[in-house]
Amino acid sequence: MSSLAEPAPESRADPQSAACFSVSAEPSPGLLPRVTELFAKRGLVPDEIHARVADGRLTVEIRAHGMAPDLAAYIGRCLRQIYLVERVLVSRDAPGDGA
């Protein structure tokens, strides 16, 4: 079982890579603020956020450059704890990956 402890401050980010999050959930008016709050309370502004409802599912795609891998994994674990969230995928785009 994963711990929800914040990553160590010495975790280093690669400013050239991007953390990518894909969240699938039941549609709910409060879901988007809960998702973006995880970034805002850490002083982070994602580079891109796309949300759409299709076939009764809300999908939120988030991309944030320069985020340390440990922090991205931690935010992914926190996203999984949000009520109505069914699936969270966390990946990284490195330079030259078409980003």
PDB file of N, CA and C in Angstrom:
ATOM      1  N   MET A   1       0.847  -1.176   0.000  1.00  0.00           N
ATOM      2  CA  MET A   1       0.000   0.000   0.000  1.00  0.00           C
ATOM      3  C   MET A   1       0.888   1.234   0.000  1.00  0.00           C
ATOM      4  N   SER A   2       0.575   2.225  -0.819  1.00  0.00           N
ATOM      5  CA  SER A   2       1.358   3.447  -0.933  1.00  0.00           C
ATOM      6  C   SER A   2       1.064   4.401   0.203  1.00  0.00           C
ATOM      7  N   SER A   3       2.112   5.082   0.607  1.00  0.00           N
ATOM      8  CA  SER A   3       1.969   6.097   1.650  1.00  0.00           C
ATOM      9  C   SER A   3       1.589   7.417   1.009  1.00  0.00           C
ATOM     10  N   LEU A   4       0.821   8.227   1.729  1.00  0.00           N
ATOM     11  CA  LEU A   4       0.465   9.545   1.230  1.00  0.00           C
ATOM     12  C   LEU A   4       1.404  10.612   1.763  1.00  0.00           C
ATOM     13  N   ALA A   5       2.539  10.243   2.344  1.00  0.00           N
ATOM     14  CA  ALA A   5       3.484  11.214   2.875  1.00  0.00           C
ATOM     15  C   ALA A   5       4.057  12.068   1.753  1.00  0.00           C
ATOM     16  N   GLU A   6       4.218  13.370   2.031  1.00  0.00           N
ATOM     17  CA  GLU A   6       4.818  14.292   1.063  1.00  0.00           C
ATOM     18  C   GLU A   6       6.224  13.816   0.718  1.00  0.00           C
ATOM     19  N   PRO A   7       6.660  13.998  -0.537  1.00  0.00           N
ATOM     20  CA  PRO A   7       8.018  13.609  -0.903  1.00  0.00           C
ATOM     21  C   PRO A   7       9.044  14.512  -0.220  1.00  0.00           C
ATOM     22  N   ALA A   8      10.263  14.006  -0.114  1.00  0.00           N
ATOM     23  CA  ALA A   8      11.336  14.774   0.506  1.00  0.00           C
ATOM     24  C   ALA A   8      11.638  16.024  -0.313  1.00  0.00           C
ATOM     25  N   PRO A   9      11.975  17.135   0.341  1.00  0.00           N
ATOM     26  CA  PRO A   9      12.244  18.372  -0.383  1.00  0.00           C
ATOM     27  C   PRO A   9      13.436  18.273  -1.326  1.00  0.00           C
ATOM     28  N   GLU A  10      14.336  17.315  -1.088  1.00  0.00           N
ATOM     29  CA  GLU A  10      15.508  17.208  -1.958  1.00  0.00           C
ATOM     30  C   GLU A  10      15.216  16.547  -3.298  1.00  0.00           C
ATOM     31  N   SER A  11      13.984  16.085  -3.538  1.00  0.00           N
ATOM     32  CA  SER A  11      13.619  15.506  -4.828  1.00  0.00           C
ATOM     33  C   SER A  11      13.852  16.547  -5.914  1.00  0.00           C
ATOM     34  N   ARG A  12      14.494  16.140  -6.971  1.00  0.00           N
ATOM     35  CA  ARG A  12      14.852  17.071  -8.036  1.00  0.00           C
ATOM     36  C   ARG A  12      13.964  16.902  -9.261  1.00  0.00           C
ATOM     37  N   ALA A  13      13.604  18.024  -9.835  1.00  0.00           N
ATOM     38  CA  ALA A  13      12.773  18.029 -11.037  1.00  0.00           C
ATOM     39  C   ALA A  13      13.653  18.202 -12.258  1.00  0.00           C
ATOM     40  N   ASP A  14      13.210  17.651 -13.365  1.00  0.00           N
ATOM     41  CA  ASP A  14      13.853  17.884 -14.655  1.00  0.00           C
ATOM     42  C   ASP A  14      13.008  18.926 -15.370  1.00  0.00           C
ATOM     43  N   PRO A  15      13.537  20.164 -15.527  1.00  0.00           N
ATOM     44  CA  PRO A  15      12.717  21.229 -16.123  1.00  0.00           C
ATOM     45  C   PRO A  15      12.317  20.950 -17.568  1.00  0.00           C
ATOM     46  N   GLN A  16      12.985  19.997 -18.213  1.00  0.00           N
ATOM     47  CA  GLN A  16      12.676  19.685 -19.606  1.00  0.00           C
ATOM     48  C   GLN A  16      11.588  18.629 -19.758  1.00  0.00           C
ATOM     49  N   SER A  17      11.274  17.898 -18.688  1.00  0.00           N
ATOM     50  CA  SER A  17      10.251  16.860 -18.789  1.00  0.00           C
ATOM     51  C   SER A  17       8.943  17.360 -18.179  1.00  0.00           C
ATOM     52  N   ALA A  18       7.877  16.663 -18.497  1.00  0.00           N
ATOM     53  CA  ALA A  18       6.555  17.047 -17.996  1.00  0.00           C
ATOM     54  C   ALA A  18       5.900  15.852 -17.325  1.00  0.00           C
ATOM     55  N   ALA A  19       5.233  16.122 -16.219  1.00  0.00           N
ATOM     56  CA  ALA A  19       4.402  15.108 -15.574  1.00  0.00           C
ATOM     57  C   ALA A  19       3.024  15.186 -16.210  1.00  0.00           C
ATOM     58  N   CYS A  20       2.470  14.038 -16.539  1.00  0.00           N
ATOM     59  CA  CYS A  20       1.157  13.970 -17.179  1.00  0.00           C
ATOM     60  C   CYS A  20       0.232  13.119 -16.311  1.00  0.00           C
ATOM     61  N   PHE A  21      -0.965  13.645 -16.075  1.00  0.00           N
ATOM     62  CA  PHE A  21      -1.948  12.979 -15.240  1.00  0.00           C
ATOM     63  C   PHE A  21      -3.216  12.777 -16.057  1.00  0.00           C
ATOM     64  N   SER A  22      -3.801  11.601 -15.962  1.00  0.00           N
ATOM     65  CA  SER A  22      -5.084  11.322 -16.599  1.00  0.00           C
ATOM     66  C   SER A  22      -6.009  10.790 -15.513  1.00  0.00           C
ATOM     67  N   VAL A  23      -7.109  11.497 -15.286  1.00  0.00           N
ATOM     68  CA  VAL A  23      -8.050  11.160 -14.219  1.00  0.00           C
ATOM     69  C   VAL A  23      -9.394  10.809 -14.855  1.00  0.00           C
ATOM     70  N   SER A  24      -9.954   9.681 -14.464  1.00  0.00           N
ATOM     71  CA  SER A  24     -11.272   9.273 -14.924  1.00  0.00           C
ATOM     72  C   SER A  24     -12.169   9.159 -13.702  1.00  0.00           C
ATOM     73  N   ALA A  25     -13.354   9.777 -13.780  1.00  0.00           N
ATOM     74  CA  ALA A  25     -14.231   9.819 -12.611  1.00  0.00           C
ATOM     75  C   ALA A  25     -15.684   9.947 -13.033  1.00  0.00           C
ATOM     76  N   GLU A  26     -16.563   9.751 -12.047  1.00  0.00           N
ATOM     77  CA  GLU A  26     -17.969  10.068 -12.259  1.00  0.00           C
ATOM     78  C   GLU A  26     -18.089  11.587 -12.309  1.00  0.00           C
ATOM     79  N   PRO A  27     -18.905  12.134 -13.213  1.00  0.00           N
ATOM     80  CA  PRO A  27     -19.062  13.591 -13.279  1.00  0.00           C
ATOM     81  C   PRO A  27     -19.639  14.139 -11.973  1.00  0.00           C
ATOM     82  N   SER A  28     -19.029  15.202 -11.491  1.00  0.00           N
ATOM     83  CA  SER A  28     -19.480  15.851 -10.270  1.00  0.00           C
ATOM     84  C   SER A  28     -19.033  17.312 -10.314  1.00  0.00           C
ATOM     85  N   PRO A  29     -19.890  18.252  -9.898  1.00  0.00           N
ATOM     86  CA  PRO A  29     -19.511  19.674  -9.937  1.00  0.00           C
ATOM     87  C   PRO A  29     -18.291  20.000  -9.085  1.00  0.00           C
ATOM     88  N   GLY A  30     -18.028  19.252  -8.038  1.00  0.00           N
ATOM     89  CA  GLY A  30     -16.908  19.566  -7.165  1.00  0.00           C
ATOM     90  C   GLY A  30     -15.604  18.882  -7.520  1.00  0.00           C
ATOM     91  N   LEU A  31     -15.605  18.043  -8.549  1.00  0.00           N
ATOM     92  CA  LEU A  31     -14.408  17.270  -8.850  1.00  0.00           C
ATOM     93  C   LEU A  31     -13.256  18.120  -9.380  1.00  0.00           C
ATOM     94  N   LEU A  32     -13.497  18.992 -10.337  1.00  0.00           N
ATOM     95  CA  LEU A  32     -12.406  19.800 -10.895  1.00  0.00           C
ATOM     96  C   LEU A  32     -11.710  20.661  -9.843  1.00  0.00           C
ATOM     97  N   PRO A  33     -12.443  21.341  -8.954  1.00  0.00           N
ATOM     98  CA  PRO A  33     -11.740  22.097  -7.909  1.00  0.00           C
ATOM     99  C   PRO A  33     -10.901  21.213  -6.997  1.00  0.00           C
ATOM    100  N   ARG A  34     -11.383  20.010  -6.702  1.00  0.00           N
ATOM    101  CA  ARG A  34     -10.601  19.101  -5.852  1.00  0.00           C
ATOM    102  C   ARG A  34      -9.315  18.671  -6.540  1.00  0.00           C
ATOM    103  N   VAL A  35      -9.391  18.428  -7.839  1.00  0.00           N
ATOM    104  CA  VAL A  35      -8.207  18.017  -8.599  1.00  0.00           C
ATOM    105  C   VAL A  35      -7.202  19.166  -8.673  1.00  0.00           C
ATOM    106  N   THR A  36      -7.647  20.340  -9.059  1.00  0.00           N
ATOM    107  CA  THR A  36      -6.710  21.457  -9.213  1.00  0.00           C
ATOM    108  C   THR A  36      -6.170  21.953  -7.874  1.00  0.00           C
ATOM    109  N   GLU A  37      -6.905  21.727  -6.793  1.00  0.00           N
ATOM    110  CA  GLU A  37      -6.439  22.134  -5.472  1.00  0.00           C
ATOM    111  C   GLU A  37      -5.114  21.462  -5.109  1.00  0.00           C
ATOM    112  N   LEU A  38      -4.927  20.219  -5.529  1.00  0.00           N
ATOM    113  CA  LEU A  38      -3.698  19.498  -5.212  1.00  0.00           C
ATOM    114  C   LEU A  38      -2.466  20.194  -5.800  1.00  0.00           C
ATOM    115  N   PHE A  39      -2.638  20.869  -6.913  1.00  0.00           N
ATOM    116  CA  PHE A  39      -1.547  21.626  -7.520  1.00  0.00           C
ATOM    117  C   PHE A  39      -1.431  23.003  -6.873  1.00  0.00           C
ATOM    118  N   ALA A  40      -2.564  23.673  -6.702  1.00  0.00           N
ATOM    119  CA  ALA A  40      -2.573  25.049  -6.190  1.00  0.00           C
ATOM    120  C   ALA A  40      -1.988  25.147  -4.788  1.00  0.00           C
ATOM    121  N   LYS A  41      -2.292  24.209  -3.923  1.00  0.00           N
ATOM    122  CA  LYS A  41      -1.798  24.322  -2.546  1.00  0.00           C
ATOM    123  C   LYS A  41      -0.301  24.056  -2.448  1.00  0.00           C
ATOM    124  N   ARG A  42       0.322  23.633  -3.560  1.00  0.00           N
ATOM    125  CA  ARG A  42       1.775  23.477  -3.628  1.00  0.00           C
ATOM    126  C   ARG A  42       2.419  24.580  -4.460  1.00  0.00           C
ATOM    127  N   GLY A  43       1.598  25.577  -4.829  1.00  0.00           N
ATOM    128  CA  GLY A  43       2.112  26.703  -5.613  1.00  0.00           C
ATOM    129  C   GLY A  43       2.416  26.354  -7.052  1.00  0.00           C
ATOM    130  N   LEU A  44       1.768  25.319  -7.579  1.00  0.00           N
ATOM    131  CA  LEU A  44       2.010  24.864  -8.951  1.00  0.00           C
ATOM    132  C   LEU A  44       0.868  25.284  -9.869  1.00  0.00           C
ATOM    133  N   VAL A  45       1.218  25.690 -11.073  1.00  0.00           N
ATOM    134  CA  VAL A  45       0.233  26.006 -12.102  1.00  0.00           C
ATOM    135  C   VAL A  45       0.493  25.053 -13.270  1.00  0.00           C
ATOM    136  N   PRO A  46      -0.410  24.120 -13.526  1.00  0.00           N
ATOM    137  CA  PRO A  46      -0.214  23.198 -14.651  1.00  0.00           C
ATOM    138  C   PRO A  46      -0.136  23.953 -15.974  1.00  0.00           C
ATOM    139  N   ASP A  47       0.625  23.391 -16.907  1.00  0.00           N
ATOM    140  CA  ASP A  47       0.750  23.991 -18.239  1.00  0.00           C
ATOM    141  C   ASP A  47      -0.525  23.795 -19.051  1.00  0.00           C
ATOM    142  N   GLU A  48      -1.180  22.672 -18.846  1.00  0.00           N
ATOM    143  CA  GLU A  48      -2.408  22.372 -19.590  1.00  0.00           C
ATOM    144  C   GLU A  48      -3.373  21.602 -18.698  1.00  0.00           C
ATOM    145  N   ILE A  49      -4.656  21.909 -18.848  1.00  0.00           N
ATOM    146  CA  ILE A  49      -5.719  21.134 -18.218  1.00  0.00           C
ATOM    147  C   ILE A  49      -6.842  21.004 -19.248  1.00  0.00           C
ATOM    148  N   HIS A  50      -7.222  19.780 -19.516  1.00  0.00           N
ATOM    149  CA  HIS A  50      -8.338  19.509 -20.427  1.00  0.00           C
ATOM    150  C   HIS A  50      -9.333  18.618 -19.697  1.00  0.00           C
ATOM    151  N   ALA A  51     -10.596  19.002 -19.732  1.00  0.00           N
ATOM    152  CA  ALA A  51     -11.639  18.196 -19.098  1.00  0.00           C
ATOM    153  C   ALA A  51     -12.783  18.009 -20.079  1.00  0.00           C
ATOM    154  N   ARG A  52     -13.354  16.803 -20.056  1.00  0.00           N
ATOM    155  CA  ARG A  52     -14.500  16.536 -20.932  1.00  0.00           C
ATOM    156  C   ARG A  52     -15.357  15.438 -20.309  1.00  0.00           C
ATOM    157  N   VAL A  53     -16.637  15.495 -20.619  1.00  0.00           N
ATOM    158  CA  VAL A  53     -17.565  14.448 -20.201  1.00  0.00           C
ATOM    159  C   VAL A  53     -18.013  13.723 -21.459  1.00  0.00           C
ATOM    160  N   ALA A  54     -17.870  12.419 -21.445  1.00  0.00           N
ATOM    161  CA  ALA A  54     -18.320  11.580 -22.561  1.00  0.00           C
ATOM    162  C   ALA A  54     -18.726  10.224 -22.000  1.00  0.00           C
ATOM    163  N   ASP A  55     -19.826   9.708 -22.493  1.00  0.00           N
ATOM    164  CA  ASP A  55     -20.324   8.388 -22.078  1.00  0.00           C
ATOM    165  C   ASP A  55     -20.453   8.273 -20.558  1.00  0.00           C
ATOM    166  N   GLY A  56     -20.868   9.346 -19.913  1.00  0.00           N
ATOM    167  CA  GLY A  56     -21.093   9.308 -18.474  1.00  0.00           C
ATOM    168  C   GLY A  56     -19.845   9.332 -17.616  1.00  0.00           C
ATOM    169  N   ARG A  57     -18.674   9.627 -18.204  1.00  0.00           N
ATOM    170  CA  ARG A  57     -17.403   9.684 -17.483  1.00  0.00           C
ATOM    171  C   ARG A  57     -16.781  11.060 -17.670  1.00  0.00           C
ATOM    172  N   LEU A  58     -16.206  11.579 -16.609  1.00  0.00           N
ATOM    173  CA  LEU A  58     -15.435  12.819 -16.684  1.00  0.00           C
ATOM    174  C   LEU A  58     -13.970  12.429 -16.787  1.00  0.00           C
ATOM    175  N   THR A  59     -13.301  12.944 -17.806  1.00  0.00           N
ATOM    176  CA  THR A  59     -11.868  12.706 -17.978  1.00  0.00           C
ATOM    177  C   THR A  59     -11.146  14.037 -17.864  1.00  0.00           C
ATOM    178  N   VAL A  60     -10.121  14.074 -17.024  1.00  0.00           N
ATOM    179  CA  VAL A  60      -9.314  15.281 -16.835  1.00  0.00           C
ATOM    180  C   VAL A  60      -7.880  14.925 -17.172  1.00  0.00           C
ATOM    181  N   GLU A  61      -7.290  15.673 -18.095  1.00  0.00           N
ATOM    182  CA  GLU A  61      -5.893  15.485 -18.496  1.00  0.00           C
ATOM    183  C   GLU A  61      -5.115  16.720 -18.032  1.00  0.00           C
ATOM    184  N   ILE A  62      -4.020  16.499 -17.314  1.00  0.00           N
ATOM    185  CA  ILE A  62      -3.217  17.595 -16.774  1.00  0.00           C
ATOM    186  C   ILE A  62      -1.768  17.355 -17.148  1.00  0.00           C
ATOM    187  N   ARG A  63      -1.084  18.432 -17.532  1.00  0.00           N
ATOM    188  CA  ARG A  63       0.338  18.372 -17.893  1.00  0.00           C
ATOM    189  C   ARG A  63       1.053  19.481 -17.147  1.00  0.00           C
ATOM    190  N   ALA A  64       2.153  19.141 -16.470  1.00  0.00           N
ATOM    191  CA  ALA A  64       2.912  20.129 -15.695  1.00  0.00           C
ATOM    192  C   ALA A  64       4.408  19.908 -15.901  1.00  0.00           C
ATOM    193  N   HIS A  65       5.091  20.899 -16.444  1.00  0.00           N
ATOM    194  CA  HIS A  65       6.538  20.814 -16.669  1.00  0.00           C
ATOM    195  C   HIS A  65       7.316  21.048 -15.383  1.00  0.00           C
ATOM    196  N   GLY A  66       8.483  20.424 -15.300  1.00  0.00           N
ATOM    197  CA  GLY A  66       9.412  20.685 -14.223  1.00  0.00           C
ATOM    198  C   GLY A  66       9.033  20.113 -12.876  1.00  0.00           C
ATOM    199  N   MET A  67       8.142  19.148 -12.843  1.00  0.00           N
ATOM    200  CA  MET A  67       7.723  18.555 -11.571  1.00  0.00           C
ATOM    201  C   MET A  67       8.609  17.344 -11.267  1.00  0.00           C
ATOM    202  N   ALA A  68       9.114  17.277 -10.050  1.00  0.00           N
ATOM    203  CA  ALA A  68       9.934  16.137  -9.634  1.00  0.00           C
ATOM    204  C   ALA A  68       9.113  14.850  -9.706  1.00  0.00           C
ATOM    205  N   PRO A  69       9.731  13.745 -10.115  1.00  0.00           N
ATOM    206  CA  PRO A  69       8.999  12.475 -10.206  1.00  0.00           C
ATOM    207  C   PRO A  69       8.342  12.060  -8.892  1.00  0.00           C
ATOM    208  N   ASP A  70       9.004  12.287  -7.767  1.00  0.00           N
ATOM    209  CA  ASP A  70       8.415  11.921  -6.471  1.00  0.00           C
ATOM    210  C   ASP A  70       7.157  12.726  -6.191  1.00  0.00           C
ATOM    211  N   LEU A  71       7.169  14.017  -6.544  1.00  0.00           N
ATOM    212  CA  LEU A  71       5.999  14.864  -6.329  1.00  0.00           C
ATOM    213  C   LEU A  71       4.859  14.435  -7.249  1.00  0.00           C
ATOM    214  N   ALA A  72       5.180  14.103  -8.498  1.00  0.00           N
ATOM    215  CA  ALA A  72       4.146  13.642  -9.431  1.00  0.00           C
ATOM    216  C   ALA A  72       3.500  12.356  -8.919  1.00  0.00           C
ATOM    217  N   ALA A  73       4.302  11.437  -8.406  1.00  0.00           N
ATOM    218  CA  ALA A  73       3.762  10.184  -7.859  1.00  0.00           C
ATOM    219  C   ALA A  73       2.888  10.470  -6.645  1.00  0.00           C
ATOM    220  N   TYR A  74       3.316  11.385  -5.797  1.00  0.00           N
ATOM    221  CA  TYR A  74       2.544  11.744  -4.606  1.00  0.00           C
ATOM    222  C   TYR A  74       1.195  12.356  -4.997  1.00  0.00           C
ATOM    223  N   ILE A  75       1.205  13.291  -5.951  1.00  0.00           N
ATOM    224  CA  ILE A  75      -0.048  13.901  -6.393  1.00  0.00           C
ATOM    225  C   ILE A  75      -0.958  12.837  -7.013  1.00  0.00           C
ATOM    226  N   GLY A  76      -0.386  11.893  -7.748  1.00  0.00           N
ATOM    227  CA  GLY A  76      -1.170  10.790  -8.297  1.00  0.00           C
ATOM    228  C   GLY A  76      -1.858   9.992  -7.199  1.00  0.00           C
ATOM    229  N   ARG A  77      -1.128   9.699  -6.116  1.00  0.00           N
ATOM    230  CA  ARG A  77      -1.736   8.969  -4.990  1.00  0.00           C
ATOM    231  C   ARG A  77      -2.857   9.787  -4.357  1.00  0.00           C
ATOM    232  N   CYS A  78      -2.646  11.093  -4.226  1.00  0.00           N
ATOM    233  CA  CYS A  78      -3.690  11.959  -3.653  1.00  0.00           C
ATOM    234  C   CYS A  78      -4.920  12.010  -4.555  1.00  0.00           C
ATOM    235  N   LEU A  79      -4.708  12.068  -5.868  1.00  0.00           N
ATOM    236  CA  LEU A  79      -5.833  12.080  -6.803  1.00  0.00           C
ATOM    237  C   LEU A  79      -6.675  10.817  -6.653  1.00  0.00           C
ATOM    238  N   ARG A  80      -6.030   9.695  -6.419  1.00  0.00           N
ATOM    239  CA  ARG A  80      -6.755   8.424  -6.263  1.00  0.00           C
ATOM    240  C   ARG A  80      -7.630   8.399  -5.014  1.00  0.00           C
ATOM    241  N   GLN A  81      -7.355   9.279  -4.067  1.00  0.00           N
ATOM    242  CA  GLN A  81      -8.126   9.322  -2.826  1.00  0.00           C
ATOM    243  C   GLN A  81      -9.386  10.193  -2.933  1.00  0.00           C
ATOM    244  N   ILE A  82      -9.542  10.932  -4.031  1.00  0.00           N
ATOM    245  CA  ILE A  82     -10.686  11.827  -4.195  1.00  0.00           C
ATOM    246  C   ILE A  82     -11.946  11.004  -4.480  1.00  0.00           C
ATOM    247  N   TYR A  83     -13.004  11.347  -3.772  1.00  0.00           N
ATOM    248  CA  TYR A  83     -14.293  10.691  -3.943  1.00  0.00           C
ATOM    249  C   TYR A  83     -14.728  10.765  -5.407  1.00  0.00           C
ATOM    250  N   LEU A  84     -15.217   9.687  -5.941  1.00  0.00           N
ATOM    251  CA  LEU A  84     -15.722   9.503  -7.300  1.00  0.00           C
ATOM    252  C   LEU A  84     -14.625   9.270  -8.343  1.00  0.00           C
ATOM    253  N   VAL A  85     -13.343   9.439  -7.989  1.00  0.00           N
ATOM    254  CA  VAL A  85     -12.257   9.143  -8.930  1.00  0.00           C
ATOM    255  C   VAL A  85     -12.129   7.633  -9.032  1.00  0.00           C
ATOM    256  N   GLU A  86     -12.110   7.145 -10.267  1.00  0.00           N
ATOM    257  CA  GLU A  86     -12.044   5.713 -10.510  1.00  0.00           C
ATOM    258  C   GLU A  86     -10.672   5.245 -10.972  1.00  0.00           C
ATOM    259  N   ARG A  87      -9.951   6.123 -11.694  1.00  0.00           N
ATOM    260  CA  ARG A  87      -8.662   5.711 -12.259  1.00  0.00           C
ATOM    261  C   ARG A  87      -7.780   6.930 -12.413  1.00  0.00           C
ATOM    262  N   VAL A  88      -6.507   6.766 -12.099  1.00  0.00           N
ATOM    263  CA  VAL A  88      -5.520   7.831 -12.284  1.00  0.00           C
ATOM    264  C   VAL A  88      -4.281   7.204 -12.909  1.00  0.00           C
ATOM    265  N   LEU A  89      -3.845   7.770 -14.012  1.00  0.00           N
ATOM    266  CA  LEU A  89      -2.591   7.363 -14.644  1.00  0.00           C
ATOM    267  C   LEU A  89      -1.617   8.527 -14.534  1.00  0.00           C
ATOM    268  N   VAL A  90      -0.380   8.225 -14.159  1.00  0.00           N
ATOM    269  CA  VAL A  90       0.661   9.242 -14.067  1.00  0.00           C
ATOM    270  C   VAL A  90       1.806   8.794 -14.972  1.00  0.00           C
ATOM    271  N   SER A  91       2.248   9.695 -15.840  1.00  0.00           N
ATOM    272  CA  SER A  91       3.369   9.367 -16.742  1.00  0.00           C
ATOM    273  C   SER A  91       4.249  10.603 -16.887  1.00  0.00           C
ATOM    274  N   ARG A  92       5.364  10.427 -17.582  1.00  0.00           N
ATOM    275  CA  ARG A  92       6.292  11.526 -17.828  1.00  0.00           C
ATOM    276  C   ARG A  92       6.575  11.614 -19.316  1.00  0.00           C
ATOM    277  N   ASP A  93       6.638  12.841 -19.816  1.00  0.00           N
ATOM    278  CA  ASP A  93       7.080  13.102 -21.179  1.00  0.00           C
ATOM    279  C   ASP A  93       8.469  13.693 -21.093  1.00  0.00           C
ATOM    280  N   ALA A  94       9.420  13.044 -21.710  1.00  0.00           N
ATOM    281  CA  ALA A  94      10.788  13.553 -21.734  1.00  0.00           C
ATOM    282  C   ALA A  94      10.971  14.403 -22.986  1.00  0.00           C
ATOM    283  N   PRO A  95      12.019  15.237 -23.023  1.00  0.00           N
ATOM    284  CA  PRO A  95      12.280  16.028 -24.225  1.00  0.00           C
ATOM    285  C   PRO A  95      12.374  15.131 -25.446  1.00  0.00           C
ATOM    286  N   GLY A  96      11.777  15.561 -26.532  1.00  0.00           N
ATOM    287  CA  GLY A  96      11.808  14.782 -27.767  1.00  0.00           C
ATOM    288  C   GLY A  96      10.703  13.760 -27.874  1.00  0.00           C
ATOM    289  N   ASP A  97       9.809  13.687 -26.875  1.00  0.00           N
ATOM    290  CA  ASP A  97       8.685  12.744 -26.918  1.00  0.00           C
ATOM    291  C   ASP A  97       7.481  13.329 -27.638  1.00  0.00           C
ATOM    292  N   GLY A  98       7.666  14.416 -28.364  1.00  0.00           N
ATOM    293  CA  GLY A  98       6.538  15.034 -29.047  1.00  0.00           C
ATOM    294  C   GLY A  98       5.805  16.001 -28.161  1.00  0.00           C
ATOM    295  N   ALA A  99       6.399  16.378 -27.058  1.00  0.00           N
ATOM    296  CA  ALA A  99       5.761  17.307 -26.121  1.00  0.00           C
ATOM    297  C   ALA A  99       5.781  18.710 -26.612  1.00  0.00           C
TER     298      ALA A  99
END
